[in-house]
């Protein structure tokens, strides 16, 4: 059948997806990270070599924008996230009859509705809700915006599904909260909720 996973390209949800699907399955994975082509010259470099290469390229471009240590670290982290996502998706894709990835901000109800309105989503018979973002912080210092962002990532796609109607072929709905709801780390009250 067709399994739709809202989030879960990594971690325990990805592990569960690999066990739930087989070579007859169609797996659609939704995540907020847009896939960008990775430069093969940067793959496999450790962080110091990656930083040196990015600094060298910056100098060669003769860019007027300063390359601060913070910007450089952000670029390295973005490249690492992209490479990690590619590896996880490749692992999930192996042995599937059909596989697709959709970059969608699940906290945006319009984007969720657009995704769920696609014709290709009408035959979904297993829905896995495993999306989540973590913004750990003590509830004494937590802002309303940060709390809302964490909760909205889990709740928005579910409210869209319930308001617009579930796919007609849906047979199973699996929702993941977090082990944080039982034995969470400090600062994860919103994530556990």
N, C-alpha and C. Protein backbone atom coordinates (compact mmCIF):
# COMPACT_ATOMS: atom_id res chain seq x y z
N UNK A 1 0.82 -1.20 0.00
CA UNK A 1 0.00 0.00 0.00
C UNK A 1 0.85 1.24 0.00
N UNK A 2 0.20 2.36 0.23
CA UNK A 2 0.84 3.67 0.23
C UNK A 2 0.91 4.18 1.66
N UNK A 3 2.13 4.39 2.13
CA UNK A 3 2.37 4.93 3.47
C UNK A 3 2.82 6.37 3.33
N UNK A 4 2.17 7.27 4.08
CA UNK A 4 2.54 8.68 4.13
C UNK A 4 3.10 8.96 5.50
N UNK A 5 4.37 9.40 5.55
CA UNK A 5 5.01 9.73 6.81
C UNK A 5 5.20 11.23 6.91
N UNK A 6 4.51 11.85 7.85
CA UNK A 6 4.68 13.28 8.11
C UNK A 6 5.85 13.41 9.06
N UNK A 7 7.00 13.73 8.51
CA UNK A 7 8.24 13.74 9.29
C UNK A 7 8.80 12.33 9.36
N UNK A 8 9.89 12.18 10.07
CA UNK A 8 10.41 10.84 10.31
C UNK A 8 11.44 10.34 9.33
N UNK A 9 12.15 11.22 8.66
CA UNK A 9 13.21 10.75 7.76
C UNK A 9 14.41 10.25 8.54
N UNK A 10 14.43 10.55 9.84
CA UNK A 10 15.55 10.13 10.69
C UNK A 10 14.99 9.49 11.97
N UNK A 11 15.84 8.87 12.71
CA UNK A 11 15.50 8.41 14.05
C UNK A 11 14.57 7.22 14.09
N UNK A 12 13.83 7.15 15.19
CA UNK A 12 12.99 5.98 15.45
C UNK A 12 11.86 5.84 14.43
N UNK A 13 11.34 6.96 13.93
CA UNK A 13 10.26 6.87 12.93
C UNK A 13 10.80 6.25 11.64
N UNK A 14 11.99 6.66 11.22
CA UNK A 14 12.60 6.09 10.01
C UNK A 14 12.84 4.60 10.19
N UNK A 15 13.28 4.21 11.37
CA UNK A 15 13.49 2.78 11.64
C UNK A 15 12.18 2.02 11.55
N UNK A 16 11.12 2.58 12.11
CA UNK A 16 9.81 1.94 12.05
C UNK A 16 9.31 1.86 10.60
N UNK A 17 9.55 2.91 9.82
CA UNK A 17 9.12 2.90 8.42
C UNK A 17 9.81 1.80 7.62
N UNK A 18 11.10 1.60 7.89
CA UNK A 18 11.83 0.56 7.15
C UNK A 18 11.28 -0.83 7.49
N UNK A 19 10.72 -1.00 8.68
CA UNK A 19 10.15 -2.29 9.07
C UNK A 19 8.70 -2.43 8.62
N UNK A 20 8.01 -1.31 8.46
CA UNK A 20 6.59 -1.31 8.11
C UNK A 20 6.36 -1.49 6.61
N UNK A 21 7.37 -1.15 5.80
CA UNK A 21 7.22 -1.17 4.35
C UNK A 21 8.01 -2.32 3.74
N UNK A 22 7.69 -2.61 2.47
CA UNK A 22 8.43 -3.66 1.76
C UNK A 22 8.53 -3.29 0.29
N UNK A 23 8.98 -4.24 -0.55
CA UNK A 23 9.23 -3.93 -1.96
C UNK A 23 7.94 -3.73 -2.76
N UNK A 24 6.78 -3.88 -2.14
CA UNK A 24 5.51 -3.59 -2.81
C UNK A 24 4.95 -2.23 -2.37
N UNK A 25 5.65 -1.56 -1.46
CA UNK A 25 5.14 -0.34 -0.84
C UNK A 25 5.44 0.90 -1.65
N UNK A 26 4.58 1.88 -1.48
CA UNK A 26 4.82 3.24 -1.94
C UNK A 26 4.97 4.06 -0.67
N UNK A 27 6.13 4.68 -0.49
CA UNK A 27 6.40 5.47 0.71
C UNK A 27 6.58 6.93 0.31
N UNK A 28 5.77 7.79 0.91
CA UNK A 28 5.91 9.24 0.74
C UNK A 28 6.37 9.81 2.07
N UNK A 29 7.50 10.50 2.06
CA UNK A 29 8.05 11.10 3.27
C UNK A 29 7.98 12.61 3.14
N UNK A 30 7.54 13.26 4.20
CA UNK A 30 7.42 14.71 4.23
C UNK A 30 8.37 15.26 5.28
N UNK A 31 9.15 16.27 4.89
CA UNK A 31 10.05 16.94 5.82
C UNK A 31 10.18 18.40 5.46
N UNK A 32 10.72 19.19 6.37
CA UNK A 32 10.80 20.63 6.08
C UNK A 32 12.08 21.00 5.32
N UNK A 33 13.06 20.09 5.27
CA UNK A 33 14.33 20.41 4.61
C UNK A 33 14.20 20.21 3.11
N UNK A 34 14.48 21.28 2.37
CA UNK A 34 14.48 21.19 0.91
C UNK A 34 15.74 20.47 0.47
N UNK A 35 15.58 19.56 -0.47
CA UNK A 35 16.74 18.85 -1.00
C UNK A 35 17.45 19.74 -2.01
N UNK A 36 18.74 19.91 -1.81
CA UNK A 36 19.56 20.70 -2.72
C UNK A 36 20.66 19.80 -3.24
N UNK A 37 21.08 20.01 -4.50
CA UNK A 37 22.18 19.18 -5.01
C UNK A 37 23.43 19.38 -4.17
N UNK A 38 24.07 18.29 -3.82
CA UNK A 38 25.29 18.36 -3.01
C UNK A 38 26.51 18.36 -3.91
N UNK A 39 27.46 19.20 -3.60
CA UNK A 39 28.72 19.28 -4.34
C UNK A 39 29.56 18.06 -3.99
N UNK A 40 29.86 17.19 -4.98
CA UNK A 40 30.61 15.97 -4.68
C UNK A 40 31.99 16.24 -4.07
N UNK A 41 32.57 17.41 -4.37
CA UNK A 41 33.89 17.73 -3.80
C UNK A 41 33.82 17.95 -2.30
N UNK A 42 32.62 18.27 -1.77
CA UNK A 42 32.49 18.55 -0.34
C UNK A 42 32.09 17.32 0.46
N UNK A 43 31.60 16.31 -0.23
CA UNK A 43 31.17 15.10 0.47
C UNK A 43 32.36 14.38 1.07
N UNK A 44 32.20 13.91 2.27
CA UNK A 44 33.26 13.15 2.92
C UNK A 44 34.30 14.00 3.64
N UNK A 45 34.26 15.32 3.48
CA UNK A 45 35.22 16.17 4.19
C UNK A 45 34.82 16.29 5.65
N UNK A 46 35.81 16.27 6.54
CA UNK A 46 35.49 16.52 7.95
C UNK A 46 35.28 18.03 8.12
N UNK A 47 34.79 18.44 9.28
CA UNK A 47 34.42 19.84 9.49
C UNK A 47 35.56 20.83 9.26
N UNK A 48 36.79 20.58 9.77
CA UNK A 48 37.87 21.54 9.51
C UNK A 48 38.19 21.67 8.01
N UNK A 49 38.24 20.54 7.29
CA UNK A 49 38.52 20.60 5.85
C UNK A 49 37.38 21.29 5.10
N UNK A 50 36.16 21.03 5.53
CA UNK A 50 35.00 21.67 4.91
C UNK A 50 35.05 23.17 5.11
N UNK A 51 35.41 23.61 6.31
CA UNK A 51 35.53 25.05 6.59
C UNK A 51 36.62 25.68 5.73
N UNK A 52 37.78 25.00 5.62
CA UNK A 52 38.88 25.54 4.81
C UNK A 52 38.45 25.66 3.34
N UNK A 53 37.76 24.65 2.85
CA UNK A 53 37.31 24.67 1.45
C UNK A 53 36.31 25.79 1.22
N UNK A 54 35.37 25.96 2.14
CA UNK A 54 34.37 27.04 2.00
C UNK A 54 35.04 28.42 2.07
N UNK A 55 36.03 28.57 2.95
CA UNK A 55 36.74 29.86 3.04
C UNK A 55 37.51 30.13 1.74
N UNK A 56 38.18 29.11 1.21
CA UNK A 56 38.92 29.26 -0.03
C UNK A 56 37.99 29.66 -1.18
N UNK A 57 36.86 29.00 -1.28
CA UNK A 57 35.88 29.33 -2.33
C UNK A 57 35.36 30.75 -2.17
N UNK A 58 35.16 31.17 -0.93
CA UNK A 58 34.68 32.52 -0.66
C UNK A 58 35.71 33.55 -1.16
N UNK A 59 36.98 33.29 -0.88
CA UNK A 59 38.04 34.21 -1.34
C UNK A 59 38.14 34.22 -2.87
N UNK A 60 38.00 33.05 -3.49
CA UNK A 60 38.10 32.95 -4.95
C UNK A 60 36.95 33.68 -5.64
N UNK A 61 35.79 33.71 -5.01
CA UNK A 61 34.65 34.42 -5.59
C UNK A 61 34.80 35.93 -5.43
N UNK A 62 35.73 36.33 -4.58
CA UNK A 62 35.96 37.74 -4.30
C UNK A 62 34.65 38.40 -3.84
N UNK A 63 33.99 37.72 -2.92
CA UNK A 63 32.69 38.16 -2.41
C UNK A 63 32.89 39.33 -1.44
N UNK A 64 32.07 40.36 -1.57
CA UNK A 64 32.14 41.52 -0.68
C UNK A 64 31.59 41.22 0.72
N UNK A 65 30.69 40.25 0.80
CA UNK A 65 30.11 39.90 2.09
C UNK A 65 31.18 39.23 2.96
N UNK A 66 31.34 39.68 4.21
CA UNK A 66 32.32 39.01 5.07
C UNK A 66 31.84 37.61 5.45
N UNK A 67 32.77 36.70 5.54
CA UNK A 67 32.48 35.33 5.95
C UNK A 67 32.87 35.20 7.42
N UNK A 68 31.91 35.45 8.29
CA UNK A 68 32.17 35.40 9.72
C UNK A 68 32.21 33.94 10.19
N UNK A 69 32.83 33.70 11.33
CA UNK A 69 32.84 32.33 11.86
C UNK A 69 31.42 31.77 12.04
N UNK A 70 30.49 32.60 12.45
CA UNK A 70 29.11 32.15 12.63
C UNK A 70 28.48 31.73 11.30
N UNK A 71 28.67 32.55 10.27
CA UNK A 71 28.12 32.22 8.94
C UNK A 71 28.77 30.95 8.41
N UNK A 72 30.08 30.83 8.60
CA UNK A 72 30.80 29.64 8.15
C UNK A 72 30.27 28.39 8.85
N UNK A 73 30.06 28.48 10.17
CA UNK A 73 29.53 27.34 10.93
C UNK A 73 28.12 26.99 10.45
N UNK A 74 27.30 27.99 10.15
CA UNK A 74 25.95 27.74 9.65
C UNK A 74 25.99 27.02 8.30
N UNK A 75 26.93 27.42 7.43
CA UNK A 75 27.07 26.77 6.13
C UNK A 75 27.48 25.30 6.30
N UNK A 76 28.41 25.06 7.21
CA UNK A 76 28.86 23.69 7.47
C UNK A 76 27.70 22.85 8.00
N UNK A 77 26.95 23.39 8.94
CA UNK A 77 25.82 22.66 9.52
C UNK A 77 24.75 22.38 8.46
N UNK A 78 24.49 23.34 7.59
CA UNK A 78 23.49 23.14 6.53
C UNK A 78 23.93 22.02 5.59
N UNK A 79 25.22 22.03 5.21
CA UNK A 79 25.74 20.97 4.33
C UNK A 79 25.70 19.61 5.01
N UNK A 80 26.02 19.56 6.29
CA UNK A 80 25.98 18.31 7.04
C UNK A 80 24.53 17.78 7.13
N UNK A 81 23.57 18.69 7.38
CA UNK A 81 22.16 18.27 7.44
C UNK A 81 21.70 17.72 6.09
N UNK A 82 22.09 18.39 5.00
CA UNK A 82 21.72 17.93 3.67
C UNK A 82 22.28 16.54 3.39
N UNK A 83 23.57 16.34 3.69
CA UNK A 83 24.20 15.05 3.44
C UNK A 83 23.55 13.96 4.30
N UNK A 84 23.26 14.28 5.54
CA UNK A 84 22.62 13.31 6.44
C UNK A 84 21.22 12.95 5.93
N UNK A 85 20.46 13.95 5.51
CA UNK A 85 19.11 13.69 4.98
C UNK A 85 19.18 12.81 3.74
N UNK A 86 20.11 13.13 2.84
CA UNK A 86 20.27 12.32 1.62
C UNK A 86 20.53 10.85 1.98
N UNK A 87 21.41 10.62 2.96
CA UNK A 87 21.73 9.25 3.36
C UNK A 87 20.51 8.54 3.94
N UNK A 88 19.78 9.25 4.81
CA UNK A 88 18.59 8.65 5.42
C UNK A 88 17.53 8.34 4.36
N UNK A 89 17.32 9.26 3.42
CA UNK A 89 16.32 9.02 2.38
C UNK A 89 16.73 7.88 1.46
N UNK A 90 18.02 7.78 1.16
CA UNK A 90 18.52 6.68 0.34
C UNK A 90 18.26 5.34 1.02
N UNK A 91 18.48 5.29 2.33
CA UNK A 91 18.23 4.07 3.08
C UNK A 91 16.74 3.72 3.06
N UNK A 92 15.87 4.72 3.25
CA UNK A 92 14.43 4.48 3.22
C UNK A 92 13.96 4.03 1.84
N UNK A 93 14.56 4.60 0.81
CA UNK A 93 14.15 4.34 -0.58
C UNK A 93 14.47 2.92 -1.03
N UNK A 94 15.49 2.31 -0.45
CA UNK A 94 15.95 0.99 -0.88
C UNK A 94 14.83 -0.04 -0.73
N UNK A 95 14.59 -0.76 -1.79
CA UNK A 95 13.62 -1.83 -1.78
C UNK A 95 12.16 -1.41 -1.92
N UNK A 96 11.92 -0.14 -2.14
CA UNK A 96 10.54 0.35 -2.29
C UNK A 96 10.07 0.19 -3.72
N UNK A 97 8.81 -0.04 -3.89
CA UNK A 97 8.20 -0.03 -5.21
C UNK A 97 8.16 1.41 -5.74
N UNK A 98 7.78 2.35 -4.86
CA UNK A 98 7.75 3.77 -5.22
C UNK A 98 8.13 4.58 -3.98
N UNK A 99 8.82 5.70 -4.21
CA UNK A 99 9.27 6.54 -3.11
C UNK A 99 9.24 7.98 -3.57
N UNK A 100 8.75 8.88 -2.71
CA UNK A 100 8.84 10.30 -3.00
C UNK A 100 9.03 11.08 -1.71
N UNK A 101 9.70 12.22 -1.85
CA UNK A 101 9.98 13.11 -0.73
C UNK A 101 9.38 14.46 -1.04
N UNK A 102 8.69 15.04 -0.06
CA UNK A 102 8.07 16.35 -0.23
C UNK A 102 8.60 17.29 0.85
N UNK A 103 9.18 18.41 0.43
CA UNK A 103 9.65 19.42 1.37
C UNK A 103 8.48 20.35 1.68
N UNK A 104 7.94 20.22 2.89
CA UNK A 104 6.77 20.98 3.31
C UNK A 104 6.97 21.40 4.76
N UNK A 105 6.64 22.65 5.06
CA UNK A 105 6.63 23.11 6.44
C UNK A 105 5.31 22.66 7.04
N UNK A 106 5.35 21.62 7.84
CA UNK A 106 4.13 21.03 8.38
C UNK A 106 3.41 21.93 9.37
N UNK A 107 4.08 22.98 9.86
CA UNK A 107 3.40 23.91 10.76
C UNK A 107 2.55 24.91 9.99
N UNK A 108 2.68 24.93 8.65
CA UNK A 108 1.91 25.83 7.79
C UNK A 108 0.69 25.07 7.26
N UNK A 109 -0.49 25.42 7.74
CA UNK A 109 -1.70 24.66 7.36
C UNK A 109 -1.99 24.74 5.87
N UNK A 110 -1.65 25.86 5.21
CA UNK A 110 -1.87 25.96 3.77
C UNK A 110 -0.99 24.97 3.00
N UNK A 111 0.29 24.88 3.39
CA UNK A 111 1.19 23.92 2.74
C UNK A 111 0.73 22.48 3.00
N UNK A 112 0.27 22.21 4.21
CA UNK A 112 -0.25 20.87 4.53
C UNK A 112 -1.46 20.54 3.67
N UNK A 113 -2.37 21.48 3.57
CA UNK A 113 -3.59 21.25 2.79
C UNK A 113 -3.24 21.01 1.32
N UNK A 114 -2.28 21.78 0.81
CA UNK A 114 -1.85 21.60 -0.59
C UNK A 114 -1.27 20.20 -0.80
N UNK A 115 -0.40 19.78 0.11
CA UNK A 115 0.19 18.44 0.01
C UNK A 115 -0.89 17.36 0.06
N UNK A 116 -1.76 17.45 1.04
CA UNK A 116 -2.77 16.42 1.23
C UNK A 116 -3.83 16.43 0.14
N UNK A 117 -3.92 17.55 -0.58
CA UNK A 117 -4.85 17.64 -1.69
C UNK A 117 -4.33 17.05 -2.99
N UNK A 118 -3.04 16.69 -3.03
CA UNK A 118 -2.47 16.10 -4.24
C UNK A 118 -3.18 14.79 -4.57
N UNK A 119 -3.38 14.56 -5.85
CA UNK A 119 -4.04 13.33 -6.28
C UNK A 119 -3.27 12.10 -5.80
N UNK A 120 -1.94 12.20 -5.78
CA UNK A 120 -1.12 11.05 -5.37
C UNK A 120 -1.30 10.69 -3.89
N UNK A 121 -1.93 11.57 -3.11
CA UNK A 121 -2.13 11.29 -1.69
C UNK A 121 -3.48 10.64 -1.41
N UNK A 122 -4.30 10.50 -2.42
CA UNK A 122 -5.66 9.98 -2.20
C UNK A 122 -5.69 8.49 -1.92
N UNK A 123 -4.62 7.76 -2.28
CA UNK A 123 -4.63 6.31 -2.04
C UNK A 123 -3.84 5.92 -0.79
N UNK A 124 -3.51 6.88 0.07
CA UNK A 124 -2.77 6.58 1.30
C UNK A 124 -3.60 5.66 2.18
N UNK A 125 -3.00 4.54 2.62
CA UNK A 125 -3.74 3.69 3.54
C UNK A 125 -3.05 3.54 4.89
N UNK A 126 -1.82 4.06 5.02
CA UNK A 126 -1.17 4.12 6.33
C UNK A 126 -0.62 5.53 6.50
N UNK A 127 -1.00 6.18 7.58
CA UNK A 127 -0.52 7.53 7.89
C UNK A 127 0.34 7.46 9.14
N UNK A 128 1.57 7.95 9.03
CA UNK A 128 2.48 8.00 10.17
C UNK A 128 2.74 9.46 10.47
N UNK A 129 2.39 9.86 11.68
CA UNK A 129 2.59 11.25 12.09
C UNK A 129 3.76 11.29 13.06
N UNK A 130 4.93 11.67 12.52
CA UNK A 130 6.14 11.65 13.34
C UNK A 130 6.93 12.94 13.26
N UNK A 131 6.29 14.01 12.79
CA UNK A 131 7.00 15.29 12.65
C UNK A 131 7.27 15.90 14.01
N UNK A 132 8.31 16.67 14.09
CA UNK A 132 8.60 17.37 15.33
C UNK A 132 9.82 18.25 15.19
N UNK A 133 9.81 19.33 15.94
CA UNK A 133 11.00 20.16 16.06
C UNK A 133 11.28 20.34 17.54
N UNK A 134 12.53 20.54 17.85
CA UNK A 134 12.93 20.68 19.25
C UNK A 134 13.52 22.08 19.43
N UNK A 135 12.98 22.79 20.40
CA UNK A 135 13.54 24.08 20.80
C UNK A 135 13.60 24.07 22.32
N UNK A 136 14.50 23.24 22.87
CA UNK A 136 14.58 23.03 24.31
C UNK A 136 14.88 24.33 25.04
N UNK A 137 14.09 24.56 26.08
CA UNK A 137 14.31 25.72 26.92
C UNK A 137 13.42 25.59 28.15
N UNK A 138 13.91 26.07 29.26
CA UNK A 138 13.12 26.06 30.49
C UNK A 138 11.79 26.76 30.25
N UNK A 139 10.71 26.19 30.82
CA UNK A 139 9.39 26.82 30.63
C UNK A 139 9.34 28.20 31.27
N UNK A 140 10.26 28.51 32.17
CA UNK A 140 10.30 29.84 32.76
C UNK A 140 10.82 30.88 31.77
N UNK A 141 11.59 30.43 30.77
CA UNK A 141 12.16 31.34 29.78
C UNK A 141 11.57 31.15 28.39
N UNK A 142 10.73 30.14 28.24
CA UNK A 142 10.17 29.79 26.94
C UNK A 142 9.25 30.90 26.44
N UNK A 143 9.43 31.28 25.17
CA UNK A 143 8.52 32.28 24.59
C UNK A 143 7.29 31.58 24.02
N UNK A 144 6.22 32.33 23.91
CA UNK A 144 4.99 31.80 23.33
C UNK A 144 5.24 31.36 21.88
N UNK A 145 6.03 32.13 21.14
CA UNK A 145 6.33 31.82 19.74
C UNK A 145 7.06 30.48 19.61
N UNK A 146 8.03 30.25 20.49
CA UNK A 146 8.78 29.00 20.45
C UNK A 146 7.88 27.82 20.83
N UNK A 147 7.08 27.99 21.87
CA UNK A 147 6.15 26.93 22.29
C UNK A 147 5.19 26.61 21.14
N UNK A 148 4.63 27.65 20.52
CA UNK A 148 3.68 27.45 19.42
C UNK A 148 4.32 26.73 18.24
N UNK A 149 5.58 27.07 17.91
CA UNK A 149 6.27 26.43 16.78
C UNK A 149 6.42 24.94 17.02
N UNK A 150 6.78 24.55 18.24
CA UNK A 150 6.97 23.13 18.56
C UNK A 150 5.64 22.39 18.50
N UNK A 151 4.62 22.95 19.12
CA UNK A 151 3.30 22.30 19.13
C UNK A 151 2.69 22.27 17.73
N UNK A 152 2.78 23.39 17.01
CA UNK A 152 2.15 23.51 15.70
C UNK A 152 2.68 22.47 14.70
N UNK A 153 3.97 22.14 14.80
CA UNK A 153 4.55 21.16 13.88
C UNK A 153 3.86 19.80 14.02
N UNK A 154 3.46 19.44 15.22
CA UNK A 154 2.75 18.18 15.44
C UNK A 154 1.26 18.30 15.13
N UNK A 155 0.65 19.42 15.54
CA UNK A 155 -0.81 19.54 15.53
C UNK A 155 -1.37 20.00 14.18
N UNK A 156 -0.69 20.92 13.50
CA UNK A 156 -1.24 21.50 12.26
C UNK A 156 -1.59 20.46 11.20
N UNK A 157 -0.68 19.52 10.87
CA UNK A 157 -1.06 18.56 9.84
C UNK A 157 -2.24 17.68 10.26
N UNK A 158 -2.33 17.38 11.54
CA UNK A 158 -3.43 16.54 12.02
C UNK A 158 -4.75 17.30 11.94
N UNK A 159 -4.73 18.59 12.27
CA UNK A 159 -5.97 19.37 12.19
C UNK A 159 -6.41 19.52 10.74
N UNK A 160 -5.46 19.67 9.82
CA UNK A 160 -5.81 19.75 8.40
C UNK A 160 -6.46 18.44 7.96
N UNK A 161 -5.87 17.32 8.36
CA UNK A 161 -6.43 16.02 8.01
C UNK A 161 -7.85 15.85 8.55
N UNK A 162 -8.04 16.23 9.80
CA UNK A 162 -9.35 16.05 10.42
C UNK A 162 -10.39 17.00 9.83
N UNK A 163 -9.97 18.21 9.45
CA UNK A 163 -10.92 19.19 8.90
C UNK A 163 -11.25 18.92 7.43
N UNK A 164 -10.25 18.48 6.65
CA UNK A 164 -10.47 18.27 5.21
C UNK A 164 -10.99 16.87 4.92
N UNK A 165 -10.84 15.98 5.84
CA UNK A 165 -11.26 14.61 5.62
C UNK A 165 -10.05 13.72 5.39
N UNK A 166 -10.10 12.56 5.96
CA UNK A 166 -9.01 11.60 5.83
C UNK A 166 -9.04 10.95 4.45
N UNK A 167 -7.88 10.50 3.96
CA UNK A 167 -7.90 9.75 2.70
C UNK A 167 -8.88 8.58 2.81
N UNK A 168 -9.64 8.34 1.77
CA UNK A 168 -10.72 7.35 1.82
C UNK A 168 -10.20 5.93 2.04
N UNK A 169 -8.96 5.64 1.65
CA UNK A 169 -8.41 4.29 1.81
C UNK A 169 -7.66 4.09 3.12
N UNK A 170 -7.66 5.11 3.99
CA UNK A 170 -6.87 5.04 5.22
C UNK A 170 -7.34 3.90 6.11
N UNK A 171 -6.39 3.03 6.47
CA UNK A 171 -6.69 1.88 7.33
C UNK A 171 -6.00 2.01 8.69
N UNK A 172 -4.84 2.66 8.72
CA UNK A 172 -4.07 2.78 9.96
C UNK A 172 -3.50 4.19 10.09
N UNK A 173 -3.51 4.67 11.33
CA UNK A 173 -2.95 5.99 11.64
C UNK A 173 -2.06 5.81 12.86
N UNK A 174 -0.77 6.07 12.69
CA UNK A 174 0.20 5.90 13.77
C UNK A 174 0.76 7.27 14.11
N UNK A 175 0.58 7.69 15.36
CA UNK A 175 1.11 8.99 15.79
C UNK A 175 2.23 8.78 16.79
N UNK A 176 3.31 9.49 16.58
CA UNK A 176 4.45 9.44 17.49
C UNK A 176 4.47 10.72 18.31
N UNK A 177 4.56 10.58 19.59
CA UNK A 177 4.85 11.72 20.43
C UNK A 177 6.35 11.68 20.64
N UNK A 178 6.77 11.36 21.81
CA UNK A 178 8.20 11.25 22.09
C UNK A 178 8.38 10.53 23.40
N UNK A 179 9.51 9.87 23.55
CA UNK A 179 9.83 9.29 24.85
C UNK A 179 9.96 10.41 25.88
N UNK A 180 10.13 11.64 25.37
CA UNK A 180 10.21 12.80 26.26
C UNK A 180 8.93 12.97 27.07
N UNK A 181 7.81 12.45 26.57
CA UNK A 181 6.56 12.58 27.32
C UNK A 181 6.56 11.74 28.59
N UNK A 182 7.42 10.73 28.65
CA UNK A 182 7.52 9.89 29.86
C UNK A 182 8.76 10.25 30.67
N UNK A 183 9.87 10.43 30.00
CA UNK A 183 11.12 10.68 30.72
C UNK A 183 11.97 11.68 29.95
N UNK A 184 11.41 12.85 29.75
CA UNK A 184 12.05 13.83 28.88
C UNK A 184 13.22 14.55 29.51
N UNK A 185 13.95 15.23 28.64
CA UNK A 185 15.05 16.06 29.09
C UNK A 185 14.50 17.37 29.62
N UNK A 186 15.23 18.05 30.47
CA UNK A 186 14.79 19.38 30.92
C UNK A 186 14.61 20.29 29.71
N UNK A 187 13.56 21.10 29.73
CA UNK A 187 13.32 22.05 28.65
C UNK A 187 12.50 21.50 27.51
N UNK A 188 11.92 20.30 27.68
CA UNK A 188 11.16 19.69 26.59
C UNK A 188 9.66 19.54 26.92
N UNK A 189 9.14 20.39 27.77
CA UNK A 189 7.72 20.29 28.12
C UNK A 189 6.84 20.45 26.88
N UNK A 190 7.17 21.40 26.01
CA UNK A 190 6.36 21.61 24.80
C UNK A 190 6.48 20.44 23.84
N UNK A 191 7.68 19.90 23.70
CA UNK A 191 7.92 18.77 22.81
C UNK A 191 7.18 17.53 23.33
N UNK A 192 7.24 17.30 24.63
CA UNK A 192 6.55 16.16 25.22
C UNK A 192 5.05 16.31 25.08
N UNK A 193 4.54 17.52 25.21
CA UNK A 193 3.08 17.75 25.08
C UNK A 193 2.62 17.36 23.70
